[in-house]
Amino acid sequence: MQMVFLGNNHRNSSKLTDDELISRYCSTGHKELIGILYKRYTRFVFLICMKYLKDEDRAKDAVMQVFENLFTDLLKHEVKSFKSWLYTVTKNHCFMQLREEKQDQQRSIRMKMDQSADMESDPFLHPNEEKEQAMVKLQGAVNNLREEQRRCIEMFYFEKKCYSEIAEITGFTVKQVKSHLQNGKRNLRIMLEERHG
């Protein structure tokens, strides 16, 4: 955000008290008046942000956001003691930012856990029986798949090739590779369940 400071016509405005500046801003909407408050309180707000965010770049960003919000906040709220009000606004802004970051982290952890749970519950990737027996049954089942499904399954899971590599080797499109893998896995589950049953 680029703060606009007062020109020669408004030299005397910088001598106004906080309350007078806010009052004048509310009646005129002149953004330069907020520029004076910005000049007066940048360091004050920065130190509060550093206290809670503990990172210089994040604190600088937060300072700009707090002052940008003043353009609308001062028109909506009746401010009696600007400095203490600004302290509370800044602190709340930092808390909100920290809470959002924590929620993002929790969402990311939940997604990873969900992905991990999906993998664990996949009988093809993690057979429940003893590994050696399971692998023998699995290989037998893989051999009974249709040719295109068998090739894609073997390359993807046993040879650890990616979709594009399989497509290049087989001549299938990436979409076809995904489809053969999906159908192959489904057929394997059916075969393994029938044998287990």
N, C-alpha and C. Protein backbone atom coordinates (compact mmCIF):
# COMPACT_ATOMS: atom_id res chain seq x y z
N MET A 1 0.85 -1.19 0.00
CA MET A 1 0.00 0.00 0.00
C MET A 1 0.88 1.24 0.00
N GLN A 2 0.52 2.20 -0.80
CA GLN A 2 1.29 3.44 -0.84
C GLN A 2 0.51 4.51 -0.08
N MET A 3 1.08 4.96 1.04
CA MET A 3 0.43 6.00 1.82
C MET A 3 0.67 7.36 1.18
N VAL A 4 -0.38 8.15 1.10
CA VAL A 4 -0.27 9.48 0.50
C VAL A 4 -0.10 10.50 1.62
N PHE A 5 0.95 11.28 1.56
CA PHE A 5 1.17 12.27 2.61
C PHE A 5 0.71 13.66 2.16
N LEU A 6 0.54 14.52 3.15
CA LEU A 6 -0.05 15.83 2.90
C LEU A 6 0.86 16.75 2.11
N GLY A 7 0.26 17.52 1.24
CA GLY A 7 1.00 18.52 0.49
C GLY A 7 1.10 19.82 1.26
N ASN A 8 1.57 20.87 0.60
CA ASN A 8 1.78 22.16 1.25
C ASN A 8 0.50 22.76 1.81
N ASN A 9 -0.63 22.49 1.17
CA ASN A 9 -1.90 23.09 1.61
C ASN A 9 -2.34 22.56 2.97
N HIS A 10 -1.75 21.44 3.38
CA HIS A 10 -2.22 20.82 4.62
C HIS A 10 -1.12 20.73 5.67
N ARG A 11 -0.14 21.64 5.60
CA ARG A 11 0.99 21.57 6.54
C ARG A 11 0.52 21.54 7.99
N ASN A 12 -0.49 22.32 8.29
CA ASN A 12 -0.94 22.43 9.68
C ASN A 12 -1.62 21.17 10.18
N SER A 13 -2.06 20.32 9.26
CA SER A 13 -2.76 19.10 9.67
C SER A 13 -1.88 18.20 10.52
N SER A 14 -0.57 18.21 10.26
CA SER A 14 0.32 17.33 11.01
C SER A 14 0.40 17.72 12.48
N LYS A 15 -0.08 18.95 12.81
CA LYS A 15 -0.06 19.39 14.21
C LYS A 15 -1.35 19.03 14.94
N LEU A 16 -2.31 18.48 14.20
CA LEU A 16 -3.59 18.10 14.82
C LEU A 16 -3.41 16.90 15.72
N THR A 17 -4.27 16.79 16.74
CA THR A 17 -4.24 15.60 17.60
C THR A 17 -4.83 14.42 16.82
N ASP A 18 -4.64 13.23 17.37
CA ASP A 18 -5.21 12.03 16.73
C ASP A 18 -6.72 12.19 16.55
N ASP A 19 -7.37 12.62 17.63
CA ASP A 19 -8.84 12.75 17.58
C ASP A 19 -9.27 13.74 16.51
N GLU A 20 -8.52 14.85 16.39
CA GLU A 20 -8.86 15.86 15.39
C GLU A 20 -8.65 15.32 13.97
N LEU A 21 -7.57 14.56 13.80
CA LEU A 21 -7.32 13.96 12.48
C LEU A 21 -8.44 13.00 12.09
N ILE A 22 -8.85 12.17 13.05
CA ILE A 22 -9.90 11.17 12.78
C ILE A 22 -11.21 11.88 12.47
N SER A 23 -11.51 12.89 13.26
CA SER A 23 -12.75 13.64 13.06
C SER A 23 -12.77 14.28 11.67
N ARG A 24 -11.63 14.88 11.31
CA ARG A 24 -11.54 15.52 9.99
C ARG A 24 -11.63 14.49 8.88
N TYR A 25 -10.98 13.34 9.09
CA TYR A 25 -11.03 12.27 8.07
C TYR A 25 -12.48 11.79 7.88
N CYS A 26 -13.19 11.61 8.98
CA CYS A 26 -14.57 11.12 8.90
C CYS A 26 -15.48 12.12 8.18
N SER A 27 -15.17 13.40 8.31
CA SER A 27 -16.03 14.40 7.65
C SER A 27 -15.60 14.70 6.22
N THR A 28 -14.30 14.51 5.91
CA THR A 28 -13.84 14.86 4.55
C THR A 28 -13.48 13.64 3.70
N GLY A 29 -13.08 12.54 4.36
CA GLY A 29 -12.65 11.35 3.62
C GLY A 29 -11.28 11.50 2.99
N HIS A 30 -10.53 12.54 3.38
CA HIS A 30 -9.19 12.75 2.82
C HIS A 30 -8.21 11.71 3.36
N LYS A 31 -7.72 10.86 2.47
CA LYS A 31 -6.85 9.76 2.89
C LYS A 31 -5.50 10.24 3.40
N GLU A 32 -5.11 11.46 3.02
CA GLU A 32 -3.82 11.98 3.48
C GLU A 32 -3.78 12.09 5.00
N LEU A 33 -4.97 12.26 5.61
CA LEU A 33 -5.04 12.38 7.07
C LEU A 33 -4.64 11.07 7.74
N ILE A 34 -4.99 9.96 7.10
CA ILE A 34 -4.57 8.65 7.62
C ILE A 34 -3.06 8.51 7.43
N GLY A 35 -2.54 9.15 6.40
CA GLY A 35 -1.09 9.15 6.18
C GLY A 35 -0.33 9.71 7.37
N ILE A 36 -0.90 10.73 8.02
CA ILE A 36 -0.25 11.32 9.21
C ILE A 36 -0.27 10.32 10.35
N LEU A 37 -1.41 9.66 10.54
CA LEU A 37 -1.50 8.63 11.59
C LEU A 37 -0.52 7.50 11.30
N TYR A 38 -0.39 7.17 10.04
CA TYR A 38 0.54 6.11 9.61
C TYR A 38 1.96 6.49 10.03
N LYS A 39 2.31 7.77 9.75
CA LYS A 39 3.66 8.27 10.09
C LYS A 39 3.89 8.21 11.60
N ARG A 40 2.85 8.56 12.34
CA ARG A 40 2.99 8.62 13.81
C ARG A 40 3.10 7.23 14.45
N TYR A 41 2.40 6.27 13.88
CA TYR A 41 2.21 5.00 14.60
C TYR A 41 2.78 3.76 13.89
N THR A 42 3.51 3.95 12.81
CA THR A 42 4.07 2.79 12.10
C THR A 42 4.91 1.93 13.03
N ARG A 43 5.83 2.54 13.75
CA ARG A 43 6.73 1.77 14.61
C ARG A 43 5.96 1.10 15.74
N PHE A 44 5.02 1.82 16.30
CA PHE A 44 4.18 1.29 17.39
C PHE A 44 3.46 0.01 16.94
N VAL A 45 2.84 0.07 15.77
CA VAL A 45 2.11 -1.09 15.24
C VAL A 45 3.08 -2.21 14.87
N PHE A 46 4.23 -1.84 14.30
CA PHE A 46 5.22 -2.84 13.90
C PHE A 46 5.70 -3.65 15.11
N LEU A 47 5.96 -2.97 16.22
CA LEU A 47 6.46 -3.66 17.43
C LEU A 47 5.41 -4.62 17.99
N ILE A 48 4.15 -4.23 17.92
CA ILE A 48 3.07 -5.12 18.38
C ILE A 48 3.03 -6.36 17.49
N CYS A 49 3.12 -6.13 16.18
CA CYS A 49 3.08 -7.26 15.23
C CYS A 49 4.26 -8.19 15.43
N MET A 50 5.44 -7.63 15.70
CA MET A 50 6.62 -8.45 15.95
C MET A 50 6.44 -9.30 17.21
N LYS A 51 5.81 -8.72 18.21
CA LYS A 51 5.59 -9.44 19.47
C LYS A 51 4.79 -10.72 19.24
N TYR A 52 3.78 -10.63 18.37
CA TYR A 52 2.89 -11.79 18.17
C TYR A 52 3.29 -12.66 16.99
N LEU A 53 3.76 -12.05 15.91
CA LEU A 53 4.06 -12.84 14.69
C LEU A 53 5.50 -13.33 14.65
N LYS A 54 6.38 -12.64 15.39
CA LYS A 54 7.78 -13.06 15.53
C LYS A 54 8.52 -13.25 14.20
N ASP A 55 8.15 -12.44 13.22
CA ASP A 55 8.82 -12.51 11.91
C ASP A 55 8.72 -11.13 11.26
N GLU A 56 9.86 -10.59 10.85
CA GLU A 56 9.89 -9.20 10.38
C GLU A 56 9.04 -8.98 9.13
N ASP A 57 9.16 -9.88 8.15
CA ASP A 57 8.39 -9.71 6.91
C ASP A 57 6.89 -9.81 7.16
N ARG A 58 6.50 -10.79 7.97
CA ARG A 58 5.07 -10.94 8.28
C ARG A 58 4.57 -9.73 9.06
N ALA A 59 5.41 -9.22 9.96
CA ALA A 59 5.03 -8.05 10.75
C ALA A 59 4.84 -6.82 9.85
N LYS A 60 5.75 -6.65 8.89
CA LYS A 60 5.62 -5.51 7.96
C LYS A 60 4.34 -5.61 7.15
N ASP A 61 4.03 -6.82 6.66
CA ASP A 61 2.79 -7.02 5.91
C ASP A 61 1.58 -6.70 6.77
N ALA A 62 1.63 -7.14 8.02
CA ALA A 62 0.50 -6.91 8.93
C ALA A 62 0.31 -5.42 9.20
N VAL A 63 1.41 -4.68 9.34
CA VAL A 63 1.34 -3.22 9.55
C VAL A 63 0.56 -2.58 8.40
N MET A 64 0.92 -2.94 7.16
CA MET A 64 0.25 -2.36 6.00
C MET A 64 -1.24 -2.71 5.98
N GLN A 65 -1.55 -3.95 6.35
CA GLN A 65 -2.96 -4.38 6.36
C GLN A 65 -3.76 -3.61 7.41
N VAL A 66 -3.15 -3.45 8.59
CA VAL A 66 -3.83 -2.71 9.67
C VAL A 66 -4.15 -1.28 9.22
N PHE A 67 -3.16 -0.62 8.61
CA PHE A 67 -3.39 0.77 8.19
C PHE A 67 -4.34 0.86 7.00
N GLU A 68 -4.30 -0.12 6.11
CA GLU A 68 -5.27 -0.13 5.01
C GLU A 68 -6.69 -0.24 5.55
N ASN A 69 -6.85 -1.07 6.58
CA ASN A 69 -8.18 -1.26 7.17
C ASN A 69 -8.70 0.00 7.85
N LEU A 70 -7.78 0.88 8.25
CA LEU A 70 -8.21 2.12 8.93
C LEU A 70 -9.10 2.97 8.04
N PHE A 71 -8.87 2.93 6.73
CA PHE A 71 -9.68 3.74 5.82
C PHE A 71 -11.18 3.47 6.02
N THR A 72 -11.52 2.20 6.25
CA THR A 72 -12.94 1.86 6.44
C THR A 72 -13.30 1.76 7.92
N ASP A 73 -12.36 1.22 8.74
CA ASP A 73 -12.68 1.01 10.16
C ASP A 73 -13.00 2.31 10.88
N LEU A 74 -12.25 3.36 10.57
CA LEU A 74 -12.48 4.64 11.27
C LEU A 74 -13.83 5.26 10.92
N LEU A 75 -14.37 4.88 9.76
CA LEU A 75 -15.69 5.39 9.38
C LEU A 75 -16.81 4.58 10.05
N LYS A 76 -16.47 3.37 10.49
CA LYS A 76 -17.49 2.50 11.07
C LYS A 76 -17.54 2.56 12.60
N HIS A 77 -16.39 2.87 13.22
CA HIS A 77 -16.32 2.82 14.68
C HIS A 77 -16.11 4.21 15.27
N GLU A 78 -16.68 4.40 16.44
CA GLU A 78 -16.43 5.64 17.17
C GLU A 78 -15.21 5.41 18.05
N VAL A 79 -14.10 6.06 17.71
CA VAL A 79 -12.84 5.83 18.40
C VAL A 79 -12.58 6.95 19.40
N LYS A 80 -12.45 6.56 20.70
CA LYS A 80 -12.25 7.59 21.72
C LYS A 80 -10.78 7.79 22.05
N SER A 81 -10.06 6.68 22.21
CA SER A 81 -8.62 6.80 22.47
C SER A 81 -7.90 6.03 21.37
N PHE A 82 -7.41 6.75 20.37
CA PHE A 82 -6.91 6.11 19.15
C PHE A 82 -5.78 5.12 19.43
N LYS A 83 -4.81 5.51 20.27
CA LYS A 83 -3.64 4.66 20.47
C LYS A 83 -4.04 3.31 21.09
N SER A 84 -4.88 3.34 22.12
CA SER A 84 -5.27 2.08 22.77
C SER A 84 -6.19 1.27 21.83
N TRP A 85 -7.03 1.97 21.07
CA TRP A 85 -7.90 1.29 20.09
C TRP A 85 -7.04 0.62 19.01
N LEU A 86 -6.01 1.34 18.55
CA LEU A 86 -5.12 0.82 17.52
C LEU A 86 -4.36 -0.40 18.04
N TYR A 87 -3.96 -0.35 19.31
CA TYR A 87 -3.27 -1.50 19.92
C TYR A 87 -4.17 -2.74 19.86
N THR A 88 -5.44 -2.57 20.27
CA THR A 88 -6.38 -3.69 20.28
C THR A 88 -6.64 -4.22 18.87
N VAL A 89 -6.83 -3.30 17.91
CA VAL A 89 -7.07 -3.69 16.52
C VAL A 89 -5.88 -4.49 15.97
N THR A 90 -4.68 -4.00 16.26
CA THR A 90 -3.46 -4.67 15.76
C THR A 90 -3.31 -6.05 16.39
N LYS A 91 -3.51 -6.12 17.70
CA LYS A 91 -3.39 -7.41 18.41
C LYS A 91 -4.40 -8.41 17.85
N ASN A 92 -5.64 -7.96 17.65
CA ASN A 92 -6.68 -8.85 17.11
C ASN A 92 -6.36 -9.31 15.69
N HIS A 93 -5.78 -8.39 14.90
CA HIS A 93 -5.37 -8.74 13.54
C HIS A 93 -4.33 -9.86 13.56
N CYS A 94 -3.35 -9.73 14.47
CA CYS A 94 -2.30 -10.75 14.59
C CYS A 94 -2.89 -12.09 15.05
N PHE A 95 -3.78 -12.03 16.03
CA PHE A 95 -4.42 -13.26 16.53
C PHE A 95 -5.19 -13.96 15.41
N MET A 96 -5.90 -13.16 14.62
CA MET A 96 -6.69 -13.72 13.52
C MET A 96 -5.77 -14.38 12.50
N GLN A 97 -4.66 -13.72 12.20
CA GLN A 97 -3.71 -14.27 11.24
C GLN A 97 -3.12 -15.59 11.75
N LEU A 98 -2.75 -15.62 13.03
CA LEU A 98 -2.18 -16.83 13.63
C LEU A 98 -3.21 -17.96 13.64
N ARG A 99 -4.47 -17.60 13.94
CA ARG A 99 -5.53 -18.61 13.97
C ARG A 99 -5.75 -19.21 12.57
N GLU A 100 -5.74 -18.34 11.55
CA GLU A 100 -5.93 -18.81 10.16
C GLU A 100 -4.77 -19.73 9.75
N GLU A 101 -3.55 -19.36 10.14
CA GLU A 101 -2.39 -20.19 9.81
C GLU A 101 -2.48 -21.55 10.50
N LYS A 102 -2.94 -21.53 11.76
CA LYS A 102 -3.07 -22.78 12.51
C LYS A 102 -4.13 -23.68 11.86
N GLN A 103 -5.24 -23.05 11.44
CA GLN A 103 -6.31 -23.82 10.77
C GLN A 103 -5.80 -24.42 9.46
N ASP A 104 -4.99 -23.64 8.72
CA ASP A 104 -4.42 -24.14 7.46
C ASP A 104 -3.52 -25.35 7.73
N GLN A 105 -2.71 -25.24 8.80
CA GLN A 105 -1.82 -26.35 9.16
C GLN A 105 -2.63 -27.59 9.54
N GLN A 106 -3.69 -27.37 10.33
CA GLN A 106 -4.52 -28.51 10.75
C GLN A 106 -5.20 -29.16 9.56
N ARG A 107 -5.67 -28.31 8.61
CA ARG A 107 -6.30 -28.85 7.40
C ARG A 107 -5.30 -29.70 6.61
N SER A 108 -4.07 -29.19 6.52
CA SER A 108 -3.03 -29.90 5.78
C SER A 108 -2.71 -31.24 6.45
N ILE A 109 -2.62 -31.23 7.79
CA ILE A 109 -2.34 -32.48 8.52
C ILE A 109 -3.48 -33.47 8.33
N ARG A 110 -4.73 -32.95 8.42
CA ARG A 110 -5.90 -33.84 8.24
C ARG A 110 -5.90 -34.47 6.85
N MET A 111 -5.56 -33.67 5.83
CA MET A 111 -5.52 -34.19 4.46
C MET A 111 -4.48 -35.29 4.34
N LYS A 112 -3.28 -35.06 4.94
CA LYS A 112 -2.23 -36.07 4.88
C LYS A 112 -2.65 -37.34 5.60
N MET A 113 -3.33 -37.16 6.75
CA MET A 113 -3.79 -38.33 7.51
C MET A 113 -4.85 -39.10 6.72
N ASP A 114 -5.75 -38.35 6.06
CA ASP A 114 -6.79 -39.00 5.24
C ASP A 114 -6.16 -39.79 4.10
N GLN A 115 -5.16 -39.18 3.46
CA GLN A 115 -4.48 -39.87 2.35
C GLN A 115 -3.79 -41.13 2.86
N SER A 116 -3.16 -41.00 4.05
CA SER A 116 -2.47 -42.14 4.63
C SER A 116 -3.46 -43.24 4.98
N ALA A 117 -4.63 -42.86 5.52
CA ALA A 117 -5.66 -43.84 5.88
C ALA A 117 -6.18 -44.55 4.63
N ASP A 118 -6.33 -43.81 3.54
CA ASP A 118 -6.78 -44.42 2.27
C ASP A 118 -5.77 -45.47 1.81
N MET A 119 -4.49 -45.15 1.94
CA MET A 119 -3.46 -46.09 1.52
C MET A 119 -3.48 -47.33 2.40
N GLU A 120 -3.63 -47.11 3.73
CA GLU A 120 -3.61 -48.23 4.67
C GLU A 120 -4.77 -49.18 4.44
N SER A 121 -5.91 -48.61 4.02
CA SER A 121 -7.11 -49.45 3.88
C SER A 121 -7.18 -50.11 2.50
N ASP A 122 -6.19 -49.84 1.67
CA ASP A 122 -6.20 -50.39 0.32
C ASP A 122 -5.64 -51.81 0.35
N PRO A 123 -6.48 -52.85 0.18
CA PRO A 123 -6.02 -54.23 0.30
C PRO A 123 -5.00 -54.61 -0.77
N PHE A 124 -5.00 -53.86 -1.89
CA PHE A 124 -4.03 -54.15 -2.94
C PHE A 124 -2.62 -53.69 -2.54
N LEU A 125 -2.57 -52.47 -1.99
CA LEU A 125 -1.26 -51.92 -1.64
C LEU A 125 -0.73 -52.51 -0.34
N HIS A 126 -1.62 -52.85 0.58
CA HIS A 126 -1.21 -53.38 1.88
C HIS A 126 -2.01 -54.63 2.20
N PRO A 127 -1.65 -55.80 1.64
CA PRO A 127 -2.40 -57.02 1.94
C PRO A 127 -2.38 -57.30 3.44
N ASN A 128 -3.52 -57.76 3.96
CA ASN A 128 -3.63 -57.98 5.40
C ASN A 128 -2.97 -59.28 5.84
N GLU A 129 -2.90 -60.25 4.93
CA GLU A 129 -2.32 -61.54 5.30
C GLU A 129 -0.80 -61.41 5.34
N GLU A 130 -0.14 -62.48 5.77
CA GLU A 130 1.32 -62.44 5.82
C GLU A 130 1.84 -62.10 4.43
N LYS A 131 2.90 -61.32 4.43
CA LYS A 131 3.33 -60.69 3.20
C LYS A 131 3.63 -61.69 2.07
N GLU A 132 4.35 -62.75 2.41
CA GLU A 132 4.77 -63.68 1.35
C GLU A 132 3.57 -64.35 0.69
N GLN A 133 2.65 -64.85 1.52
CA GLN A 133 1.44 -65.50 1.00
C GLN A 133 0.63 -64.51 0.18
N ALA A 134 0.52 -63.30 0.75
CA ALA A 134 -0.27 -62.27 0.07
C ALA A 134 0.31 -61.94 -1.29
N MET A 135 1.66 -61.85 -1.36
CA MET A 135 2.30 -61.50 -2.63
C MET A 135 2.09 -62.59 -3.68
N VAL A 136 2.11 -63.86 -3.23
CA VAL A 136 1.87 -64.98 -4.16
C VAL A 136 0.45 -64.87 -4.73
N LYS A 137 -0.50 -64.65 -3.81
CA LYS A 137 -1.91 -64.53 -4.25
C LYS A 137 -2.08 -63.32 -5.17
N LEU A 138 -1.41 -62.23 -4.78
CA LEU A 138 -1.51 -61.00 -5.55
C LEU A 138 -0.96 -61.18 -6.96
N GLN A 139 0.22 -61.81 -7.06
CA GLN A 139 0.83 -62.02 -8.37
C GLN A 139 -0.06 -62.90 -9.24
N GLY A 140 -0.65 -63.93 -8.61
CA GLY A 140 -1.56 -64.79 -9.35
C GLY A 140 -2.76 -64.03 -9.87
N ALA A 141 -3.28 -63.14 -9.02
CA ALA A 141 -4.44 -62.33 -9.42
C ALA A 141 -4.07 -61.36 -10.53
N VAL A 142 -2.88 -60.76 -10.40
CA VAL A 142 -2.41 -59.81 -11.42
C VAL A 142 -2.31 -60.50 -12.77
N ASN A 143 -1.81 -61.75 -12.77
CA ASN A 143 -1.66 -62.50 -14.02
C ASN A 143 -3.00 -62.79 -14.69
N ASN A 144 -4.08 -62.79 -13.91
CA ASN A 144 -5.40 -63.07 -14.45
C ASN A 144 -6.11 -61.82 -14.99
N LEU A 145 -5.47 -60.67 -14.83
CA LEU A 145 -6.08 -59.44 -15.33
C LEU A 145 -6.00 -59.38 -16.86
N ARG A 146 -6.82 -58.51 -17.43
CA ARG A 146 -6.68 -58.25 -18.86
C ARG A 146 -5.30 -57.65 -19.09
N GLU A 147 -4.75 -57.91 -20.27
CA GLU A 147 -3.37 -57.56 -20.58
C GLU A 147 -3.04 -56.09 -20.27
N GLU A 148 -3.91 -55.16 -20.74
CA GLU A 148 -3.60 -53.74 -20.56
C GLU A 148 -3.62 -53.35 -19.07
N GLN A 149 -4.52 -53.96 -18.30
CA GLN A 149 -4.58 -53.67 -16.87
C GLN A 149 -3.35 -54.25 -16.17
N ARG A 150 -2.97 -55.49 -16.53
CA ARG A 150 -1.81 -56.13 -15.91
C ARG A 150 -0.54 -55.31 -16.15
N ARG A 151 -0.33 -54.86 -17.38
CA ARG A 151 0.88 -54.09 -17.70
C ARG A 151 0.94 -52.80 -16.89
N CYS A 152 -0.20 -52.11 -16.84
CA CYS A 152 -0.24 -50.83 -16.11
C CYS A 152 -0.02 -51.04 -14.61
N ILE A 153 -0.66 -52.07 -14.05
CA ILE A 153 -0.51 -52.36 -12.61
C ILE A 153 0.94 -52.69 -12.29
N GLU A 154 1.56 -53.57 -13.08
CA GLU A 154 2.94 -53.98 -12.80
C GLU A 154 3.91 -52.80 -12.89
N MET A 155 3.72 -51.98 -13.94
CA MET A 155 4.64 -50.84 -14.12
C MET A 155 4.47 -49.80 -13.02
N PHE A 156 3.20 -49.55 -12.64
CA PHE A 156 2.92 -48.49 -11.66
C PHE A 156 3.33 -48.92 -10.25
N TYR A 157 2.91 -50.12 -9.83
CA TYR A 157 3.14 -50.52 -8.44
C TYR A 157 4.46 -51.26 -8.22
N PHE A 158 4.87 -52.10 -9.16
CA PHE A 158 6.07 -52.89 -8.95
C PHE A 158 7.32 -52.19 -9.48
N GLU A 159 7.18 -51.52 -10.62
CA GLU A 159 8.34 -50.84 -11.22
C GLU A 159 8.38 -49.36 -10.86
N LYS A 160 7.35 -48.90 -10.14
CA LYS A 160 7.29 -47.50 -9.64
C LYS A 160 7.37 -46.45 -10.75
N LYS A 161 6.77 -46.76 -11.89
CA LYS A 161 6.76 -45.79 -13.00
C LYS A 161 5.56 -44.87 -12.84
N CYS A 162 5.70 -43.64 -13.34
CA CYS A 162 4.60 -42.68 -13.24
C CYS A 162 3.68 -42.82 -14.47
N TYR A 163 2.53 -42.14 -14.42
CA TYR A 163 1.54 -42.24 -15.51
C TYR A 163 2.16 -41.95 -16.88
N SER A 164 2.93 -40.86 -16.94
CA SER A 164 3.45 -40.44 -18.25
C SER A 164 4.47 -41.45 -18.79
N GLU A 165 5.26 -42.06 -17.88
CA GLU A 165 6.23 -43.07 -18.32
C GLU A 165 5.50 -44.30 -18.88
N ILE A 166 4.45 -44.71 -18.16
CA ILE A 166 3.67 -45.88 -18.61
C ILE A 166 3.04 -45.59 -19.97
N ALA A 167 2.51 -44.39 -20.10
CA ALA A 167 1.88 -43.99 -21.37
C ALA A 167 2.90 -44.05 -22.51
N GLU A 168 4.10 -43.58 -22.24
CA GLU A 168 5.15 -43.56 -23.26
C GLU A 168 5.53 -44.99 -23.68
N ILE A 169 5.64 -45.89 -22.70
CA ILE A 169 6.05 -47.28 -22.98
C ILE A 169 4.94 -48.05 -23.69
N THR A 170 3.70 -47.87 -23.22
CA THR A 170 2.59 -48.69 -23.73
C THR A 170 1.91 -48.11 -24.96
N GLY A 171 2.03 -46.79 -25.13
CA GLY A 171 1.31 -46.15 -26.23
C GLY A 171 -0.10 -45.71 -25.82
N PHE A 172 -0.49 -46.01 -24.56
CA PHE A 172 -1.79 -45.54 -24.07
C PHE A 172 -1.70 -44.04 -23.78
N THR A 173 -2.84 -43.39 -23.72
CA THR A 173 -2.86 -42.01 -23.23
C THR A 173 -2.79 -42.06 -21.70
N VAL A 174 -2.44 -40.93 -21.08
CA VAL A 174 -2.39 -40.88 -19.61
C VAL A 174 -3.77 -41.20 -19.03
N LYS A 175 -4.81 -40.72 -19.71
CA LYS A 175 -6.18 -40.99 -19.25
C LYS A 175 -6.47 -42.49 -19.29
N GLN A 176 -6.03 -43.17 -20.34
CA GLN A 176 -6.23 -44.61 -20.45
C GLN A 176 -5.45 -45.37 -19.37
N VAL A 177 -4.22 -44.89 -19.11
CA VAL A 177 -3.40 -45.52 -18.06
C VAL A 177 -4.14 -45.46 -16.72
N LYS A 178 -4.65 -44.27 -16.38
CA LYS A 178 -5.39 -44.11 -15.12
C LYS A 178 -6.60 -45.03 -15.07
N SER A 179 -7.29 -45.13 -16.20
CA SER A 179 -8.49 -45.97 -16.28
C SER A 179 -8.12 -47.44 -16.10
N HIS A 180 -7.05 -47.91 -16.77
CA HIS A 180 -6.62 -49.31 -16.64
C HIS A 180 -6.20 -49.62 -15.21
N LEU A 181 -5.53 -48.66 -14.57
CA LEU A 181 -5.10 -48.86 -13.18
C LEU A 181 -6.32 -48.97 -12.26
N GLN A 182 -7.27 -48.08 -12.46
CA GLN A 182 -8.48 -48.06 -11.63
C GLN A 182 -9.26 -49.38 -11.80
N ASN A 183 -9.47 -49.77 -13.03
CA ASN A 183 -10.21 -51.01 -13.31
C ASN A 183 -9.43 -52.23 -12.84
N GLY A 184 -8.11 -52.18 -13.03
CA GLY A 184 -7.27 -53.30 -12.60
C GLY A 184 -7.32 -53.48 -11.09
N LYS A 185 -7.23 -52.38 -10.36
CA LYS A 185 -7.30 -52.45 -8.89
C LYS A 185 -8.64 -53.00 -8.43
N ARG A 186 -9.71 -52.52 -9.09
CA ARG A 186 -11.05 -52.99 -8.72
C ARG A 186 -11.18 -54.50 -8.96
N ASN A 187 -10.69 -54.96 -10.10
CA ASN A 187 -10.76 -56.39 -10.42
C ASN A 187 -9.91 -57.22 -9.47
N LEU A 188 -8.75 -56.68 -9.09
CA LEU A 188 -7.89 -57.39 -8.15
C LEU A 188 -8.58 -57.56 -6.80
N ARG A 189 -9.22 -56.48 -6.34
CA ARG A 189 -9.94 -56.57 -5.06
C ARG A 189 -10.99 -57.67 -5.11
N ILE A 190 -11.74 -57.68 -6.21
CA ILE A 190 -12.80 -58.70 -6.36
C ILE A 190 -12.20 -60.10 -6.31
N MET A 191 -11.10 -60.31 -7.07
CA MET A 191 -10.47 -61.63 -7.12
C MET A 191 -9.91 -62.04 -5.76
N LEU A 192 -9.27 -61.11 -5.09
CA LEU A 192 -8.67 -61.42 -3.79
C LEU A 192 -9.74 -61.70 -2.74
N GLU A 193 -10.83 -60.94 -2.80
CA GLU A 193 -11.93 -61.18 -1.86
C GLU A 193 -12.58 -62.53 -2.10
N GLU A 194 -12.73 -62.90 -3.36
CA GLU A 194 -13.33 -64.21 -3.68
C GLU A 194 -12.44 -65.34 -3.18
N ARG A 195 -11.14 -65.20 -3.38
CA ARG A 195 -10.21 -66.25 -2.94
C ARG A 195 -10.16 -66.32 -1.42
N HIS A 196 -10.22 -65.15 -0.81
CA HIS A 196 -10.17 -65.09 0.66
C HIS A 196 -11.43 -65.73 1.23
N GLY A 197 -12.54 -65.47 0.54
CA GLY A 197 -13.83 -66.02 0.97
C GLY A 197 -13.85 -67.51 0.75
